[in-house]
PDB file of all heavy atoms in Angstrom:
ATOM      1  N   ILE A   1      16.043 -30.969 -78.248  1.00  0.00           N
ATOM      2  CA  ILE A   1      16.645 -29.582 -78.318  1.00  0.00           C
ATOM      3  C   ILE A   1      17.392 -29.407 -79.628  1.00  0.00           C
ATOM      4  O   ILE A   1      18.236 -30.276 -79.916  1.00  0.00           O
ATOM      5  CB  ILE A   1      17.660 -29.439 -77.139  1.00  0.00           C
ATOM      6  CG1 ILE A   1      16.894 -29.406 -75.711  1.00  0.00           C
ATOM      7  CG2 ILE A   1      18.414 -28.122 -77.310  1.00  0.00           C
ATOM      8  CD1 ILE A   1      17.845 -29.372 -74.572  1.00  0.00           C
ATOM      9  N   THR A   2      16.978 -28.479 -80.317  1.00  0.00           N
ATOM     10  CA  THR A   2      17.630 -28.209 -81.653  1.00  0.00           C
ATOM     11  C   THR A   2      17.748 -26.757 -81.813  1.00  0.00           C
ATOM     12  O   THR A   2      17.055 -25.906 -81.199  1.00  0.00           O
ATOM     13  CB  THR A   2      16.815 -28.766 -82.851  1.00  0.00           C
ATOM     14  OG1 THR A   2      15.553 -28.072 -82.883  1.00  0.00           O
ATOM     15  CG2 THR A   2      16.548 -30.155 -82.636  1.00  0.00           C
ATOM     16  N   LYS A   3      18.649 -26.348 -82.707  1.00  0.00           N
ATOM     17  CA  LYS A   3      18.804 -24.997 -83.058  1.00  0.00           C
ATOM     18  C   LYS A   3      17.563 -24.443 -83.712  1.00  0.00           C
ATOM     19  O   LYS A   3      17.190 -23.297 -83.577  1.00  0.00           O
ATOM     20  CB  LYS A   3      20.030 -24.736 -83.986  1.00  0.00           C
ATOM     21  CG  LYS A   3      21.392 -24.944 -83.287  1.00  0.00           C
ATOM     22  CD  LYS A   3      22.489 -24.666 -84.278  1.00  0.00           C
ATOM     23  CE  LYS A   3      23.847 -24.871 -83.554  1.00  0.00           C
ATOM     24  NZ  LYS A   3      24.992 -24.519 -84.428  1.00  0.00           N
ATOM     25  N   SER A   4      16.815 -25.331 -84.531  1.00  0.00           N
ATOM     26  CA  SER A   4      15.620 -24.859 -85.325  1.00  0.00           C
ATOM     27  C   SER A   4      14.540 -24.441 -84.356  1.00  0.00           C
ATOM     28  O   SER A   4      13.863 -23.534 -84.605  1.00  0.00           O
ATOM     29  CB  SER A   4      15.251 -25.877 -86.212  1.00  0.00           C
ATOM     30  OG  SER A   4      14.966 -27.136 -85.608  1.00  0.00           O
ATOM     31  N   VAL A   5      14.358 -25.181 -83.275  1.00  0.00           N
ATOM     32  CA  VAL A   5      13.337 -24.842 -82.256  1.00  0.00           C
ATOM     33  C   VAL A   5      13.551 -23.393 -81.727  1.00  0.00           C
ATOM     34  O   VAL A   5      12.699 -22.560 -81.619  1.00  0.00           O
ATOM     35  CB  VAL A   5      13.251 -25.828 -81.124  1.00  0.00           C
ATOM     36  CG1 VAL A   5      12.301 -25.331 -80.046  1.00  0.00           C
ATOM     37  CG2 VAL A   5      12.720 -27.194 -81.664  1.00  0.00           C
ATOM     38  N   ALA A   6      14.858 -23.153 -81.471  1.00  0.00           N
ATOM     39  CA  ALA A   6      15.187 -21.828 -80.924  1.00  0.00           C
ATOM     40  C   ALA A   6      15.094 -20.739 -81.971  1.00  0.00           C
ATOM     41  O   ALA A   6      14.600 -19.664 -81.640  1.00  0.00           O
ATOM     42  CB  ALA A   6      16.603 -21.834 -80.368  1.00  0.00           C
ATOM     43  N   ILE A   7      15.390 -21.159 -83.197  1.00  0.00           N
ATOM     44  CA  ILE A   7      15.207 -20.122 -84.239  1.00  0.00           C
ATOM     45  C   ILE A   7      13.802 -19.779 -84.425  1.00  0.00           C
ATOM     46  O   ILE A   7      13.511 -18.575 -84.800  1.00  0.00           O
ATOM     47  CB  ILE A   7      15.800 -20.731 -85.594  1.00  0.00           C
ATOM     48  CG1 ILE A   7      17.352 -20.738 -85.573  1.00  0.00           C
ATOM     49  CG2 ILE A   7      15.359 -20.067 -86.875  1.00  0.00           C
ATOM     50  CD1 ILE A   7      18.012 -21.393 -86.684  1.00  0.00           C
ATOM     51  N   LEU A   8      12.869 -20.696 -84.370  1.00  0.00           N
ATOM     52  CA  LEU A   8      11.524 -20.345 -84.477  1.00  0.00           C
ATOM     53  C   LEU A   8      11.024 -19.362 -83.446  1.00  0.00           C
ATOM     54  O   LEU A   8      10.236 -18.511 -83.723  1.00  0.00           O
ATOM     55  CB  LEU A   8      10.693 -21.607 -84.383  1.00  0.00           C
ATOM     56  CG  LEU A   8      10.685 -22.488 -85.661  1.00  0.00           C
ATOM     57  CD1 LEU A   8       9.968 -23.844 -85.345  1.00  0.00           C
ATOM     58  CD2 LEU A   8      10.003 -21.817 -86.871  1.00  0.00           C
ATOM     59  N   LYS A   9      11.601 -19.504 -82.246  1.00  0.00           N
ATOM     60  CA  LYS A   9      11.342 -18.561 -81.097  1.00  0.00           C
ATOM     61  C   LYS A   9      11.880 -17.195 -81.480  1.00  0.00           C
ATOM     62  O   LYS A   9      11.190 -16.148 -81.198  1.00  0.00           O
ATOM     63  CB  LYS A   9      11.914 -19.062 -79.839  1.00  0.00           C
ATOM     64  CG  LYS A   9      11.446 -20.391 -79.318  1.00  0.00           C
ATOM     65  CD  LYS A   9       9.960 -20.282 -78.807  1.00  0.00           C
ATOM     66  CE  LYS A   9       9.497 -21.584 -78.074  1.00  0.00           C
ATOM     67  NZ  LYS A   9       8.155 -21.524 -77.687  1.00  0.00           N
ATOM     68  N   VAL A  10      13.069 -17.193 -82.027  1.00  0.00           N
ATOM     69  CA  VAL A  10      13.678 -15.872 -82.353  1.00  0.00           C
ATOM     70  C   VAL A  10      12.917 -15.207 -83.473  1.00  0.00           C
ATOM     71  O   VAL A  10      12.586 -13.945 -83.450  1.00  0.00           O
ATOM     72  CB  VAL A  10      15.135 -16.057 -82.847  1.00  0.00           C
ATOM     73  CG1 VAL A  10      15.689 -14.811 -83.410  1.00  0.00           C
ATOM     74  CG2 VAL A  10      15.994 -16.548 -81.644  1.00  0.00           C
ATOM     75  N   LEU A  11      12.447 -15.972 -84.525  1.00  0.00           N
ATOM     76  CA  LEU A  11      11.749 -15.464 -85.593  1.00  0.00           C
ATOM     77  C   LEU A  11      10.322 -14.880 -85.157  1.00  0.00           C
ATOM     78  O   LEU A  11       9.959 -13.766 -85.557  1.00  0.00           O
ATOM     79  CB  LEU A  11      11.426 -16.504 -86.680  1.00  0.00           C
ATOM     80  CG  LEU A  11      12.677 -17.010 -87.480  1.00  0.00           C
ATOM     81  CD1 LEU A  11      12.302 -18.156 -88.373  1.00  0.00           C
ATOM     82  CD2 LEU A  11      13.265 -15.890 -88.324  1.00  0.00           C
ATOM     83  N   ASP A  12       9.708 -15.594 -84.245  1.00  0.00           N
ATOM     84  CA  ASP A  12       8.445 -15.097 -83.615  1.00  0.00           C
ATOM     85  C   ASP A  12       8.738 -13.846 -82.828  1.00  0.00           C
ATOM     86  O   ASP A  12       7.930 -12.825 -82.882  1.00  0.00           O
ATOM     87  CB  ASP A  12       7.944 -16.201 -82.722  1.00  0.00           C
ATOM     88  CG  ASP A  12       6.579 -15.756 -82.153  1.00  0.00           C
ATOM     89  OD1 ASP A  12       5.582 -15.551 -82.942  1.00  0.00           O
ATOM     90  OD2 ASP A  12       6.471 -15.650 -80.941  1.00  0.00           O
ATOM     91  N   TYR A  13       9.811 -13.730 -82.086  1.00  0.00           N
ATOM     92  CA  TYR A  13      10.124 -12.620 -81.398  1.00  0.00           C
ATOM     93  C   TYR A  13      10.279 -11.315 -82.183  1.00  0.00           C
ATOM     94  O   TYR A  13       9.885 -10.251 -81.794  1.00  0.00           O
ATOM     95  CB  TYR A  13      11.445 -12.855 -80.539  1.00  0.00           C
ATOM     96  CG  TYR A  13      11.892 -11.699 -79.548  1.00  0.00           C
ATOM     97  CD1 TYR A  13      11.271 -11.626 -78.347  1.00  0.00           C
ATOM     98  CD2 TYR A  13      12.819 -10.874 -79.951  1.00  0.00           C
ATOM     99  CE1 TYR A  13      11.690 -10.615 -77.509  1.00  0.00           C
ATOM    100  CE2 TYR A  13      13.242  -9.827 -79.085  1.00  0.00           C
ATOM    101  CZ  TYR A  13      12.689  -9.690 -77.807  1.00  0.00           C
ATOM    102  OH  TYR A  13      13.003  -8.648 -76.972  1.00  0.00           O
ATOM    103  N   PHE A  14      10.917 -11.487 -83.301  1.00  0.00           N
ATOM    104  CA  PHE A  14      11.232 -10.445 -84.258  1.00  0.00           C
ATOM    105  C   PHE A  14      10.091 -10.192 -85.344  1.00  0.00           C
ATOM    106  O   PHE A  14      10.152  -9.368 -86.217  1.00  0.00           O
ATOM    107  CB  PHE A  14      12.558 -10.564 -84.870  1.00  0.00           C
ATOM    108  CG  PHE A  14      13.631 -10.360 -84.006  1.00  0.00           C
ATOM    109  CD1 PHE A  14      14.631 -11.263 -83.799  1.00  0.00           C
ATOM    110  CD2 PHE A  14      13.877  -9.106 -83.299  1.00  0.00           C
ATOM    111  CE1 PHE A  14      15.780 -10.984 -83.044  1.00  0.00           C
ATOM    112  CE2 PHE A  14      14.983  -8.889 -82.458  1.00  0.00           C
ATOM    113  CZ  PHE A  14      15.909  -9.900 -82.300  1.00  0.00           C
ATOM    114  N   ASN A  15       9.108 -11.116 -85.297  1.00  0.00           N
ATOM    115  CA  ASN A  15       8.017 -11.080 -86.254  1.00  0.00           C
ATOM    116  C   ASN A  15       8.593 -11.176 -87.727  1.00  0.00           C
ATOM    117  O   ASN A  15       8.262 -10.439 -88.595  1.00  0.00           O
ATOM    118  CB  ASN A  15       7.161  -9.856 -86.127  1.00  0.00           C
ATOM    119  CG  ASN A  15       5.805  -9.995 -86.906  1.00  0.00           C
ATOM    120  OD1 ASN A  15       5.322 -11.078 -87.093  1.00  0.00           O
ATOM    121  ND2 ASN A  15       5.312  -8.880 -87.268  1.00  0.00           N
ATOM    122  N   ILE A  16       9.433 -12.219 -87.904  1.00  0.00           N
ATOM    123  CA  ILE A  16      10.069 -12.409 -89.247  1.00  0.00           C
ATOM    124  C   ILE A  16       9.745 -13.880 -89.690  1.00  0.00           C
ATOM    125  O   ILE A  16       9.655 -14.820 -88.866  1.00  0.00           O
ATOM    126  CB  ILE A  16      11.616 -12.301 -89.168  1.00  0.00           C
ATOM    127  CG1 ILE A  16      11.964 -10.851 -88.869  1.00  0.00           C
ATOM    128  CG2 ILE A  16      12.233 -12.692 -90.563  1.00  0.00           C
ATOM    129  CD1 ILE A  16      13.400 -10.652 -88.573  1.00  0.00           C
ATOM    130  N   HIS A  17       9.328 -13.995 -90.925  1.00  0.00           N
ATOM    131  CA  HIS A  17       8.973 -15.414 -91.450  1.00  0.00           C
ATOM    132  C   HIS A  17      10.292 -16.156 -91.744  1.00  0.00           C
ATOM    133  O   HIS A  17      11.300 -15.521 -92.150  1.00  0.00           O
ATOM    134  CB  HIS A  17       8.138 -15.233 -92.774  1.00  0.00           C
ATOM    135  CG  HIS A  17       7.487 -16.513 -93.127  1.00  0.00           C
ATOM    136  ND1 HIS A  17       8.075 -17.367 -94.019  1.00  0.00           N
ATOM    137  CD2 HIS A  17       6.352 -17.175 -92.795  1.00  0.00           C
ATOM    138  CE1 HIS A  17       7.333 -18.452 -94.214  1.00  0.00           C
ATOM    139  NE2 HIS A  17       6.231 -18.281 -93.468  1.00  0.00           N
ATOM    140  N   GLN A  18      10.201 -17.448 -91.659  1.00  0.00           N
ATOM    141  CA  GLN A  18      11.391 -18.282 -91.864  1.00  0.00           C
ATOM    142  C   GLN A  18      11.910 -18.218 -93.343  1.00  0.00           C
ATOM    143  O   GLN A  18      13.064 -18.394 -93.638  1.00  0.00           O
ATOM    144  CB  GLN A  18      11.143 -19.739 -91.570  1.00  0.00           C
ATOM    145  CG  GLN A  18      10.049 -20.491 -92.425  1.00  0.00           C
ATOM    146  CD  GLN A  18       9.686 -21.816 -91.817  1.00  0.00           C
ATOM    147  OE1 GLN A  18       9.032 -21.857 -90.785  1.00  0.00           O
ATOM    148  NE2 GLN A  18      10.101 -22.932 -92.489  1.00  0.00           N
ATOM    149  N   SER A  19      11.017 -17.853 -94.252  1.00  0.00           N
ATOM    150  CA  SER A  19      11.375 -17.709 -95.724  1.00  0.00           C
ATOM    151  C   SER A  19      12.293 -16.490 -95.867  1.00  0.00           C
ATOM    152  O   SER A  19      13.019 -16.386 -96.901  1.00  0.00           O
ATOM    153  CB  SER A  19      10.206 -17.566 -96.545  1.00  0.00           C
ATOM    154  OG  SER A  19       9.430 -16.405 -96.259  1.00  0.00           O
ATOM    155  N   GLU A  20      12.302 -15.556 -94.812  1.00  0.00           N
ATOM    156  CA  GLU A  20      13.083 -14.360 -94.947  1.00  0.00           C
ATOM    157  C   GLU A  20      14.422 -14.562 -94.228  1.00  0.00           C
ATOM    158  O   GLU A  20      15.176 -13.610 -93.962  1.00  0.00           O
ATOM    159  CB  GLU A  20      12.313 -13.202 -94.305  1.00  0.00           C
ATOM    160  CG  GLU A  20      11.011 -12.860 -95.106  1.00  0.00           C
ATOM    161  CD  GLU A  20      10.090 -11.868 -94.332  1.00  0.00           C
ATOM    162  OE1 GLU A  20       9.852 -12.187 -93.108  1.00  0.00           O
ATOM    163  OE2 GLU A  20       9.816 -10.881 -94.917  1.00  0.00           O
ATOM    164  N   ALA A  21      14.744 -15.814 -93.804  1.00  0.00           N
ATOM    165  CA  ALA A  21      15.977 -16.082 -93.020  1.00  0.00           C
ATOM    166  C   ALA A  21      16.964 -16.837 -93.888  1.00  0.00           C
ATOM    167  O   ALA A  21      16.681 -17.652 -94.705  1.00  0.00           O
ATOM    168  CB  ALA A  21      15.628 -16.912 -91.841  1.00  0.00           C
ATOM    169  N   ILE A  22      18.295 -16.510 -93.656  1.00  0.00           N
ATOM    170  CA  ILE A  22      19.407 -17.155 -94.148  1.00  0.00           C
ATOM    171  C   ILE A  22      20.047 -17.823 -92.993  1.00  0.00           C
ATOM    172  O   ILE A  22      20.231 -17.286 -91.898  1.00  0.00           O
ATOM    173  CB  ILE A  22      20.409 -16.251 -94.784  1.00  0.00           C
ATOM    174  CG1 ILE A  22      19.698 -15.462 -95.887  1.00  0.00           C
ATOM    175  CG2 ILE A  22      21.631 -17.020 -95.414  1.00  0.00           C
ATOM    176  CD1 ILE A  22      20.689 -14.372 -96.494  1.00  0.00           C
ATOM    177  N   ALA A  23      20.608 -19.109 -93.155  1.00  0.00           N
ATOM    178  CA  ALA A  23      21.353 -19.831 -92.086  1.00  0.00           C
ATOM    179  C   ALA A  23      22.640 -20.417 -92.654  1.00  0.00           C
ATOM    180  O   ALA A  23      22.616 -20.975 -93.771  1.00  0.00           O
ATOM    181  CB  ALA A  23      20.429 -20.903 -91.502  1.00  0.00           C
ATOM    182  N   PHE A  24      23.723 -20.233 -91.936  1.00  0.00           N
ATOM    183  CA  PHE A  24      25.105 -20.730 -92.343  1.00  0.00           C
ATOM    184  C   PHE A  24      25.462 -21.765 -91.248  1.00  0.00           C
ATOM    185  O   PHE A  24      25.317 -21.397 -90.096  1.00  0.00           O
ATOM    186  CB  PHE A  24      26.053 -19.647 -92.366  1.00  0.00           C
ATOM    187  CG  PHE A  24      26.119 -18.729 -93.547  1.00  0.00           C
ATOM    188  CD1 PHE A  24      25.193 -17.665 -93.582  1.00  0.00           C
ATOM    189  CD2 PHE A  24      26.918 -18.954 -94.609  1.00  0.00           C
ATOM    190  CE1 PHE A  24      25.192 -16.785 -94.595  1.00  0.00           C
ATOM    191  CE2 PHE A  24      26.905 -18.009 -95.650  1.00  0.00           C
ATOM    192  CZ  PHE A  24      26.138 -17.007 -95.736  1.00  0.00           C
ATOM    193  N   GLY A  25      25.996 -22.922 -91.666  1.00  0.00           N
ATOM    194  CA  GLY A  25      26.493 -23.808 -90.677  1.00  0.00           C
ATOM    195  C   GLY A  25      27.492 -24.770 -91.334  1.00  0.00           C
ATOM    196  O   GLY A  25      27.747 -24.762 -92.550  1.00  0.00           O
ATOM    197  N   ASP A  26      28.116 -25.598 -90.417  1.00  0.00           N
ATOM    198  CA  ASP A  26      29.136 -26.558 -90.904  1.00  0.00           C
ATOM    199  C   ASP A  26      29.005 -27.918 -90.297  1.00  0.00           C
ATOM    200  O   ASP A  26      29.596 -28.861 -90.768  1.00  0.00           O
ATOM    201  CB  ASP A  26      30.562 -26.014 -90.737  1.00  0.00           C
ATOM    202  CG  ASP A  26      30.966 -26.219 -89.197  1.00  0.00           C
ATOM    203  OD1 ASP A  26      30.233 -25.761 -88.371  1.00  0.00           O
ATOM    204  OD2 ASP A  26      32.072 -26.772 -88.950  1.00  0.00           O
ATOM    205  N   GLY A  27      28.216 -28.076 -89.249  1.00  0.00           N
ATOM    206  CA  GLY A  27      28.057 -29.318 -88.570  1.00  0.00           C
ATOM    207  C   GLY A  27      26.778 -29.982 -88.654  1.00  0.00           C
ATOM    208  O   GLY A  27      25.701 -29.429 -89.180  1.00  0.00           O
ATOM    209  N   GLU A  28      26.685 -31.180 -88.281  1.00  0.00           N
ATOM    210  CA  GLU A  28      25.484 -31.908 -88.400  1.00  0.00           C
ATOM    211  C   GLU A  28      24.411 -31.389 -87.474  1.00  0.00           C
ATOM    212  O   GLU A  28      23.133 -31.634 -87.708  1.00  0.00           O
ATOM    213  CB  GLU A  28      25.634 -33.426 -88.250  1.00  0.00           C
ATOM    214  CG  GLU A  28      26.476 -34.083 -89.344  1.00  0.00           C
ATOM    215  CD  GLU A  28      26.484 -35.500 -89.462  1.00  0.00           C
ATOM    216  OE1 GLU A  28      25.821 -36.221 -88.643  1.00  0.00           O
ATOM    217  OE2 GLU A  28      27.336 -36.061 -90.201  1.00  0.00           O
ATOM    218  N   ASN A  29      24.737 -30.722 -86.409  1.00  0.00           N
ATOM    219  CA  ASN A  29      23.790 -30.052 -85.551  1.00  0.00           C
ATOM    220  C   ASN A  29      23.261 -28.746 -86.202  1.00  0.00           C
ATOM    221  O   ASN A  29      22.406 -28.112 -85.572  1.00  0.00           O
ATOM    222  CB  ASN A  29      24.384 -29.792 -84.204  1.00  0.00           C
ATOM    223  CG  ASN A  29      25.588 -28.836 -84.209  1.00  0.00           C
ATOM    224  OD1 ASN A  29      26.366 -28.851 -85.166  1.00  0.00           O
ATOM    225  ND2 ASN A  29      25.787 -28.042 -83.253  1.00  0.00           N
ATOM    226  N   ASP A  30      23.694 -28.446 -87.392  1.00  0.00           N
ATOM    227  CA  ASP A  30      23.172 -27.317 -88.117  1.00  0.00           C
ATOM    228  C   ASP A  30      22.152 -27.709 -89.256  1.00  0.00           C
ATOM    229  O   ASP A  30      21.594 -26.876 -89.868  1.00  0.00           O
ATOM    230  CB  ASP A  30      24.380 -26.566 -88.838  1.00  0.00           C
ATOM    231  CG  ASP A  30      25.297 -25.991 -87.738  1.00  0.00           C
ATOM    232  OD1 ASP A  30      24.878 -25.459 -86.759  1.00  0.00           O
ATOM    233  OD2 ASP A  30      26.556 -26.020 -88.070  1.00  0.00           O
ATOM    234  N   ILE A  31      21.986 -29.036 -89.400  1.00  0.00           N
ATOM    235  CA  ILE A  31      21.159 -29.447 -90.493  1.00  0.00           C
ATOM    236  C   ILE A  31      19.671 -28.916 -90.341  1.00  0.00           C
ATOM    237  O   ILE A  31      19.108 -28.377 -91.336  1.00  0.00           O
ATOM    238  CB  ILE A  31      21.171 -30.988 -90.570  1.00  0.00           C
ATOM    239  CG1 ILE A  31      22.485 -31.514 -91.032  1.00  0.00           C
ATOM    240  CG2 ILE A  31      20.023 -31.513 -91.564  1.00  0.00           C
ATOM    241  CD1 ILE A  31      22.614 -33.079 -91.075  1.00  0.00           C
ATOM    242  N   ASP A  32      19.177 -29.130 -89.186  1.00  0.00           N
ATOM    243  CA  ASP A  32      17.761 -28.720 -89.077  1.00  0.00           C
ATOM    244  C   ASP A  32      17.640 -27.143 -89.216  1.00  0.00           C
ATOM    245  O   ASP A  32      16.569 -26.650 -89.711  1.00  0.00           O
ATOM    246  CB  ASP A  32      17.224 -29.061 -87.709  1.00  0.00           C
ATOM    247  CG  ASP A  32      17.939 -28.455 -86.552  1.00  0.00           C
ATOM    248  OD1 ASP A  32      19.171 -28.740 -86.355  1.00  0.00           O
ATOM    249  OD2 ASP A  32      17.315 -27.620 -85.767  1.00  0.00           O
ATOM    250  N   MET A  33      18.696 -26.433 -88.819  1.00  0.00           N
ATOM    251  CA  MET A  33      18.713 -24.984 -88.970  1.00  0.00           C
ATOM    252  C   MET A  33      18.715 -24.508 -90.489  1.00  0.00           C
ATOM    253  O   MET A  33      17.874 -23.642 -90.832  1.00  0.00           O
ATOM    254  CB  MET A  33      19.910 -24.400 -88.185  1.00  0.00           C
ATOM    255  CG  MET A  33      20.156 -22.960 -88.381  1.00  0.00           C
ATOM    256  SD  MET A  33      21.489 -22.312 -87.286  1.00  0.00           S
ATOM    257  CE  MET A  33      22.918 -22.854 -88.271  1.00  0.00           C
ATOM    258  N   ILE A  34      19.573 -25.142 -91.190  1.00  0.00           N
ATOM    259  CA  ILE A  34      19.657 -24.702 -92.627  1.00  0.00           C
ATOM    260  C   ILE A  34      18.422 -25.164 -93.449  1.00  0.00           C
ATOM    261  O   ILE A  34      18.005 -24.697 -94.447  1.00  0.00           O
ATOM    262  CB  ILE A  34      20.960 -25.167 -93.259  1.00  0.00           C
ATOM    263  CG1 ILE A  34      21.083 -26.628 -93.439  1.00  0.00           C
ATOM    264  CG2 ILE A  34      22.125 -24.504 -92.473  1.00  0.00           C
ATOM    265  CD1 ILE A  34      22.244 -26.900 -94.339  1.00  0.00           C
ATOM    266  N   GLU A  35      17.800 -26.246 -92.945  1.00  0.00           N
ATOM    267  CA  GLU A  35      16.623 -26.789 -93.618  1.00  0.00           C
ATOM    268  C   GLU A  35      15.397 -25.862 -93.312  1.00  0.00           C
ATOM    269  O   GLU A  35      14.538 -25.605 -94.187  1.00  0.00           O
ATOM    270  CB  GLU A  35      16.329 -28.248 -93.189  1.00  0.00           C
ATOM    271  CG  GLU A  35      17.230 -29.226 -93.800  1.00  0.00           C
ATOM    272  CD  GLU A  35      16.913 -30.691 -93.343  1.00  0.00           C
ATOM    273  OE1 GLU A  35      16.330 -30.841 -92.296  1.00  0.00           O
ATOM    274  OE2 GLU A  35      17.220 -31.559 -94.110  1.00  0.00           O
TER     275      GLU A  35
END
């Protein structure tokens, strides 16, 4: 379970490519998201 898996679901829902996304975080559970 990661934030990035959920983010891919959200991007697909809105039909947005990951290159068009910005992510902000501060914790190690945010690493996969900002990558």
